[in-house]
């Protein structure tokens, strides 16, 4: 594949069956919903990637590092003004994770956000497990199980992401954490087993404001980031 931008962010779906399943959903822009409040609670990072799942993921292209050797903070300075708190936070992150490029990270986060929303709506636990920390996965899994036990059906459309910005970054020893504010637009309606609308509106586009935090262990040979915390801003 040659030399690429040096960034590793999350999991795209590599197994052909999973990839085709998600691609078909994304193409129709149907079957998506905003995760309910149950999984939208602050959670700490936990768990390692299952060894069986590691063989089913790919990472985004990497950077050759030529410019980074001349100025390791060039990507940070072009993203956040030097001297600002965010710039200082991102510089600390680069110190422990030289592969980090904020612009490419945001691009990857946008893709991951849509994939997670799609997988949640579809009840695709396998895809979610690859993208979430153990504790966040448990919250999503519990919400899916509750929905299934009640016979509820969600019909929704993912309109798009209006904005995705890094609001803070932190390096705790070897762990790199990045929090983004994501503003998206969704159409979502939930029906009970009798087909009665119980939540949402099938015709109205709703704006969703979320804070999502991703993390990776910079000492690990696993280069992928996982969602470790979610919070709704209303």
Foldseek 3Di string as FASTA:
>chain_A
DPADALAWEFFDFQDVVVNVVVVVCQVVQKLFDDQDCQLQFFFAFADDQPPVCVVGTDTDGHHPCPVCVVPLLVLLCVQDPPPDQQSVQVVVVCVLPSSDRVVVRQVRVQVLVRSCRNCLSVVVLSSQSRAAGPVSSVRSNVSSVVCVVQQKHKIKGWPGWPDKAWDGWHCDPQKTKTKIKTKGKMAMWMATNVRHTDDGDNPDIDIWIKIWMWMDGSVDPDNYIHTGHMHTPD
